[in-house]
Protein backbone atom coordinates (compact mmCIF):
# COMPACT_ATOMS: atom_id res chain seq x y z
CA MET A 1 -5.39 -18.36 -23.67
CA ALA A 2 -2.16 -18.85 -21.23
CA ASP A 3 -0.64 -15.63 -22.34
CA VAL A 4 -3.80 -13.47 -21.16
CA ALA A 5 -3.54 -15.16 -17.65
CA VAL A 6 0.29 -14.66 -17.35
CA ALA A 7 -0.83 -10.83 -18.43
CA ALA A 8 -3.46 -10.95 -15.62
CA ASN A 9 -0.53 -12.55 -13.16
CA THR A 10 1.71 -9.90 -13.75
CA LYS A 11 -0.10 -7.04 -13.59
CA ASP A 12 -1.37 -7.84 -10.04
CA ALA A 13 1.90 -8.46 -9.01
CA PRO A 14 3.74 -5.42 -7.39
CA SER A 15 6.71 -3.60 -9.36
CA ARG A 16 10.39 -4.25 -8.92
CA GLU A 17 10.31 -0.65 -7.58
CA PHE A 18 7.71 -0.82 -5.41
CA LEU A 19 9.40 -3.68 -3.68
CA GLU A 20 12.73 -2.09 -3.73
CA ARG A 21 10.82 0.85 -1.79
CA GLN A 22 9.13 -1.26 0.86
CA ALA A 23 12.16 -2.97 1.33
CA PHE A 24 13.90 0.05 1.74
CA GLU A 25 11.67 2.05 4.13
CA ALA A 26 11.48 -1.64 6.62
CA PHE A 27 15.20 -1.47 6.44
CA LYS A 28 14.82 2.03 7.30
CA ALA A 29 12.73 1.13 10.16
CA PHE A 30 14.83 -1.31 11.40
CA VAL A 31 17.90 0.81 11.32
CA PHE A 32 15.79 3.44 13.33
CA ALA A 33 14.82 0.90 16.27
CA PHE A 34 18.44 -0.38 16.41
CA GLN A 35 19.94 2.57 16.97
CA ARG A 36 17.16 3.03 20.11
CA LEU A 37 18.04 0.65 21.18
CA VAL A 38 21.38 1.25 21.32
CA GLU A 39 20.82 4.55 23.14
CA THR A 40 18.91 3.24 25.46
CA PRO A 41 19.99 -0.16 27.01
CA GLY A 42 17.16 -0.78 29.37
CA MET A 43 14.40 0.47 26.46
CA GLN A 44 11.89 -2.20 25.19
CA VAL A 45 11.75 -1.99 21.26
CA GLU A 46 7.73 -3.33 20.16
CA PRO A 47 7.72 -4.91 16.83
CA ALA A 48 6.52 -3.09 14.18
CA ALA A 49 2.71 -3.82 12.85
CA ALA A 50 2.55 -6.39 10.47
CA GLN A 51 1.12 -6.27 6.88
CA PRO A 52 -2.52 -6.74 6.55
CA THR A 53 -3.37 -10.26 5.52
CA SER A 54 -6.77 -8.94 3.53
CA ASP A 55 -6.36 -8.24 -0.18
CA VAL A 56 -9.63 -5.81 1.11
CA MET A 57 -9.60 -2.24 2.19
CA THR A 58 -11.96 0.16 3.45
CA ALA A 59 -12.25 3.65 2.47
CA ASP A 60 -9.91 3.96 5.98
CA GLN A 61 -7.11 2.01 5.21
CA VAL A 62 -6.23 3.25 1.97
CA ALA A 63 -6.07 6.29 3.86
CA GLU A 64 -4.04 5.24 6.42
CA PHE A 65 -2.02 3.18 3.72
CA LEU A 66 -1.75 6.26 1.32
CA GLY A 67 -1.08 8.62 4.05
CA VAL A 68 -3.72 11.00 3.28
CA ASP A 69 -7.31 12.23 4.78
CA ARG A 70 -10.31 9.88 4.48
CA THR A 71 -12.18 12.84 2.42
CA THR A 72 -9.39 12.45 -0.20
CA VAL A 73 -10.20 8.99 -0.56
CA TYR A 74 -14.02 9.92 -0.89
CA ASP A 75 -13.10 12.28 -3.28
CA PHE A 76 -11.44 10.52 -5.97
CA ALA A 77 -13.28 6.99 -5.84
CA ALA A 78 -16.41 9.51 -6.60
CA ARG A 79 -14.47 11.21 -9.69
CA GLY A 80 -13.22 7.86 -10.47
CA VAL A 81 -9.40 8.71 -10.24
CA ILE A 82 -9.33 5.66 -7.81
CA PRO A 83 -10.03 2.41 -8.35
CA HIS A 84 -13.00 1.11 -6.26
CA GLN A 85 -15.59 -1.09 -5.93
CA ARG A 86 -19.27 -0.29 -4.12
CA LEU A 87 -21.43 -2.58 -1.92
CA GLY A 88 -23.97 -0.62 -1.20
CA LYS A 89 -23.12 2.19 1.01
CA ARG A 90 -19.69 1.04 1.53
CA LEU A 91 -16.12 1.89 -0.97
CA LEU A 92 -14.22 -1.22 -1.20
CA PHE A 93 -10.52 -1.17 -1.98
CA ARG A 94 -8.49 -3.57 -3.45
CA ARG A 95 -4.77 -4.07 -2.44
CA GLY A 96 -3.10 -5.06 -5.39
CA GLY A 97 -5.37 -2.49 -7.39
CA ILE A 98 -4.20 0.45 -5.44
CA VAL A 99 -1.07 -0.29 -5.82
CA ALA A 100 -1.09 -1.12 -9.38
CA TRP A 101 -2.81 2.38 -9.66
CA LEU A 102 0.55 3.83 -7.47
CA ASP A 103 2.84 2.50 -10.10
CA GLU A 104 0.43 3.52 -13.14
CA SER A 105 0.58 7.00 -12.03
CA LEU A 106 4.66 7.36 -11.16
CA CYS A 107 5.17 5.81 -14.54
CA ARG A 108 3.14 8.74 -16.29
CA SER A 109 4.50 11.04 -13.61
CA THR A 110 7.92 11.03 -15.17
């Protein structure tokens, strides 16, 4: 029974590759902001947007997260490509499920 719980926990955990990409993107954003600050000494640098704390996302949030149009998210959900849950007329997505789906898609494409 403990093995099943461990397996379930590892599936929801982000992959090392995903975490490395996130760290690299954060570092690039920091370097870019620092360069802008150095080039323009009087300029105020606004803090980066914080990661959302909710694990449940709407179609609009998923579209922004993936960098695609909202209709693409609806199309993928209708075809059963992207993991989602319907609540009445609304489509809801788990952040961990989307990340796992992305990781799985990356593994299949390589």
